[in-house]
Protein backbone atom coordinates (compact mmCIF):
# COMPACT_ATOMS: atom_id res chain seq x y z
CA UNK A 1 -0.50 -0.02 0.30
CA UNK A 2 1.09 3.27 -0.96
CA UNK A 3 0.55 6.14 1.56
CA UNK A 4 -2.14 9.48 -0.14
CA UNK A 5 1.70 11.55 -0.13
CA UNK A 6 3.30 9.02 -2.74
CA UNK A 7 5.98 8.59 0.15
CA UNK A 8 7.20 5.12 1.30
CA UNK A 9 8.62 6.24 5.34
CA UNK A 10 10.14 3.33 5.88
CA UNK A 11 13.03 2.46 4.06
CA UNK A 12 13.15 -1.56 5.02
CA UNK A 13 9.52 -1.37 3.45
CA UNK A 14 10.77 -0.50 0.62
CA UNK A 15 13.60 -2.17 0.23
CA UNK A 16 11.76 -5.67 1.54
CA UNK A 17 8.80 -5.15 -1.20
CA UNK A 18 11.42 -3.70 -4.57
CA UNK A 19 14.12 -5.77 -3.81
CA UNK A 20 13.31 -9.26 -0.91
CA UNK A 21 9.94 -10.05 -1.76
CA UNK A 22 9.84 -12.13 -4.95
CA UNK A 23 7.48 -10.62 -6.53
CA UNK A 24 5.90 -13.46 -8.57
CA UNK A 25 4.51 -14.43 -4.78
CA UNK A 26 2.96 -10.97 -5.06
CA UNK A 27 -0.75 -10.91 -7.22
CA UNK A 28 0.45 -11.53 -10.38
CA UNK A 29 -2.56 -10.25 -12.62
CA UNK A 30 -4.92 -7.38 -12.10
CA UNK A 31 -8.83 -7.08 -13.39
CA UNK A 32 -9.60 -3.92 -15.03
CA UNK A 33 -13.38 -4.69 -15.80
CA UNK A 34 -12.58 -4.92 -18.98
CA UNK A 35 -9.13 -6.39 -19.35
CA UNK A 36 -6.95 -8.48 -17.10
CA UNK A 37 -3.58 -8.00 -16.77
CA UNK A 38 0.07 -9.69 -15.38
CA UNK A 39 3.17 -9.68 -14.97
CA UNK A 40 5.67 -10.51 -17.01
CA UNK A 41 3.27 -9.73 -19.82
CA UNK A 42 3.44 -6.62 -22.83
CA UNK A 43 0.25 -4.38 -21.98
CA UNK A 44 -0.24 -1.64 -24.06
CA UNK A 45 -1.61 2.12 -22.71
CA UNK A 46 -3.82 4.33 -23.39
CA UNK A 47 -1.42 7.05 -25.09
CA UNK A 48 0.15 3.69 -27.17
CA UNK A 49 2.86 3.41 -25.04
CA UNK A 50 4.52 -0.45 -24.29
CA UNK A 51 5.74 -1.99 -20.91
CA UNK A 52 5.67 -4.87 -19.24
CA UNK A 53 3.98 -5.02 -15.29
CA UNK A 54 6.52 -6.24 -12.99
CA UNK A 55 4.70 -5.57 -10.09
CA UNK A 56 1.14 -3.97 -9.20
CA UNK A 57 0.81 -1.49 -6.57
CA UNK A 58 -1.87 0.10 -4.72
CA UNK A 59 -2.50 3.49 -2.52
CA UNK A 60 -5.41 4.15 0.09
CA UNK A 61 -7.57 5.63 -2.24
CA UNK A 62 -7.39 1.99 -3.63
CA UNK A 63 -6.04 2.98 -7.26
CA UNK A 64 -3.65 0.70 -8.97
CA UNK A 65 -0.16 1.54 -10.45
CA UNK A 66 2.35 -0.62 -12.19
CA UNK A 67 5.85 -1.07 -11.80
CA UNK A 68 7.23 -2.03 -14.97
CA UNK A 69 9.61 -2.00 -17.97
CA UNK A 70 9.36 0.65 -20.62
CA UNK A 71 9.45 -1.29 -24.53
CA UNK A 72 10.50 0.38 -27.14
CA UNK A 73 11.01 -0.81 -30.64
CA UNK A 74 13.03 -0.62 -33.86
CA UNK A 75 12.60 0.24 -37.62
CA UNK A 76 12.39 -3.15 -37.89
CA UNK A 77 9.61 -3.93 -34.60
CA UNK A 78 12.13 -6.14 -32.97
CA UNK A 79 12.17 -4.86 -29.16
CA UNK A 80 13.77 -4.57 -25.58
CA UNK A 81 13.59 -3.70 -22.79
CA UNK A 82 14.53 -1.03 -20.38
CA UNK A 83 14.56 -2.57 -16.54
CA UNK A 84 16.27 0.16 -14.84
């Protein structure tokens, strides 16, 4: 759960969420009502860009966000992924 101010006050919790907990044991899917989105699968955003979600995050208002890798395509439609 991400606080409304967006700040995770305890370094321990941020470390645990991002590095210590195997992301595959967390929620693997987000149900958007009309569509299901999964971690490690290509997804297209409303603006047309592509990402690969790696973990789902929820704030105190129940809004869902994805921690994701950006995906880019070259001229021959090969893609690369920025996992940083």
